[in-house]
Amino acid sequence: MRPLVAAALLGLAAALGAAGCAAPNETRAERSPGRVADDAAITAKVKSAIATEVGARTAAALNVDTYRGTVELTGFVDDRTTAQRAATAAQKVSGVREVRNSIRLKSSS
């Protein structure tokens, strides 16, 4: 009986090990070409929305990076209101899942 249990456990361990190797790796940073194109389109739409809502000068001063629908805004603006308006404009764009507002204020010196 013991050899049968040992063989069953060995078989189960092998099956679970093989299943683990076949599982997709969700933590990989790679994106499909379609996802890259979607993110690029979102980036362009966000830049356009910021230019329309806040102004072309502000849009030019900000960097927009999109990764899997998450938009990060970086750069420098004159005041908090402008930073908030840019983030609000980005959030309104179709396909945006989250906005990370990393915009900094220009120093007053």
Protein backbone atom coordinates (compact mmCIF):
# COMPACT_ATOMS: atom_id res chain seq x y z
CA MET A 1 0.00 0.00 0.00
CA ARG A 2 2.83 2.41 0.83
CA PRO A 3 4.41 2.24 -2.63
CA LEU A 4 1.00 3.03 -4.14
CA VAL A 5 0.58 6.15 -1.94
CA ALA A 6 4.15 7.25 -2.69
CA ALA A 7 3.56 6.82 -6.42
CA ALA A 8 0.29 8.77 -6.22
CA LEU A 9 1.94 11.63 -4.32
CA LEU A 10 4.84 11.68 -6.77
CA GLY A 11 2.41 11.80 -9.68
CA LEU A 12 0.42 14.61 -8.04
CA ALA A 13 3.59 16.62 -7.38
CA ALA A 14 4.69 16.21 -11.00
CA ALA A 15 1.27 17.27 -12.29
CA LEU A 16 1.18 20.35 -10.06
CA GLY A 17 4.72 21.27 -11.05
CA ALA A 18 3.90 21.03 -14.74
CA ALA A 19 0.74 23.08 -14.26
CA GLY A 20 2.73 25.78 -12.48
CA CYS A 21 5.19 26.00 -15.36
CA ALA A 22 2.37 26.32 -17.88
CA ALA A 23 0.59 29.15 -16.03
CA PRO A 24 0.90 32.59 -17.61
CA ASN A 25 3.24 34.94 -15.82
CA GLU A 26 1.13 37.96 -14.87
CA THR A 27 4.08 39.93 -13.52
CA ARG A 28 5.94 40.18 -16.82
CA ALA A 29 6.38 43.70 -18.08
CA GLU A 30 5.96 42.71 -21.73
CA ARG A 31 2.99 44.05 -23.67
CA SER A 32 1.48 42.81 -26.89
CA PRO A 33 1.80 45.03 -29.96
CA GLY A 34 -1.93 45.76 -29.66
CA ARG A 35 -1.55 46.92 -26.05
CA VAL A 36 1.41 49.13 -27.01
CA ALA A 37 -0.70 50.71 -29.77
CA ASP A 38 -3.62 51.23 -27.37
CA ASP A 39 -1.33 52.91 -24.84
CA ALA A 40 0.16 55.15 -27.54
CA ALA A 41 -3.33 56.19 -28.63
CA ILE A 42 -4.30 56.97 -25.03
CA THR A 43 -1.14 59.06 -24.62
CA ALA A 44 -1.99 61.10 -27.72
CA LYS A 45 -5.59 61.61 -26.59
CA VAL A 46 -4.47 62.71 -23.11
CA LYS A 47 -2.00 65.24 -24.56
CA SER A 48 -4.77 66.60 -26.78
CA ALA A 49 -7.24 66.77 -23.89
CA ILE A 50 -4.75 68.66 -21.73
CA ALA A 51 -4.04 71.09 -24.57
CA THR A 52 -7.78 71.68 -25.03
CA GLU A 53 -8.68 71.95 -21.34
CA VAL A 54 -5.61 73.65 -19.87
CA GLY A 55 -3.71 75.08 -22.83
CA ALA A 56 -1.08 74.14 -25.38
CA ARG A 57 1.75 75.63 -23.32
CA THR A 58 0.89 73.40 -20.36
CA ALA A 59 0.50 70.34 -22.58
CA ALA A 60 3.94 70.97 -24.06
CA ALA A 61 5.46 71.27 -20.57
CA LEU A 62 4.06 67.93 -19.39
CA ASN A 63 5.16 64.39 -20.13
CA VAL A 64 2.50 61.72 -20.49
CA ASP A 65 3.40 58.05 -20.12
CA THR A 66 0.82 55.29 -20.45
CA TYR A 67 1.25 51.69 -19.39
CA ARG A 68 -1.72 49.32 -19.62
CA GLY A 69 -4.18 52.19 -19.35
CA THR A 70 -2.48 53.81 -16.36
CA VAL A 71 -1.39 57.35 -17.22
CA GLU A 72 1.43 59.11 -15.39
CA LEU A 73 1.74 62.86 -15.73
CA THR A 74 5.11 64.48 -15.01
CA GLY A 75 6.58 67.90 -15.53
CA PHE A 76 6.34 71.36 -14.00
CA VAL A 77 3.48 73.87 -13.84
CA ASP A 78 2.97 77.25 -12.20
CA ASP A 79 0.23 76.30 -9.71
CA ARG A 80 -1.72 73.43 -8.17
CA THR A 81 -4.90 74.34 -10.02
CA THR A 82 -3.19 73.79 -13.37
CA ALA A 83 -1.84 70.41 -12.22
CA GLN A 84 -5.28 69.34 -11.04
CA ARG A 85 -6.96 70.50 -14.25
CA ALA A 86 -4.46 68.47 -16.29
CA ALA A 87 -5.13 65.36 -14.21
CA THR A 88 -8.89 65.85 -14.53
CA ALA A 89 -8.60 66.22 -18.31
CA ALA A 90 -6.54 63.01 -18.47
CA GLN A 91 -9.07 61.08 -16.38
CA LYS A 92 -11.88 61.97 -18.80
CA VAL A 93 -10.12 60.27 -21.75
CA SER A 94 -11.62 56.97 -22.86
CA GLY A 95 -9.41 54.01 -21.99
CA VAL A 96 -7.71 55.66 -19.02
CA ARG A 97 -7.93 53.37 -16.01
CA GLU A 98 -5.92 55.43 -13.54
CA VAL A 99 -4.08 58.76 -13.48
CA ARG A 100 -0.92 59.20 -11.44
CA ASN A 101 -0.39 62.91 -11.05
CA SER A 102 3.34 63.43 -10.50
CA ILE A 103 3.30 67.02 -11.73
CA ARG A 104 5.48 69.35 -9.67
CA LEU A 105 5.16 73.06 -9.03
CA LYS A 106 7.80 75.42 -10.39
CA SER A 107 9.83 77.04 -7.67
CA SER A 108 9.04 80.70 -7.02
CA SER A 109 12.67 81.80 -6.70
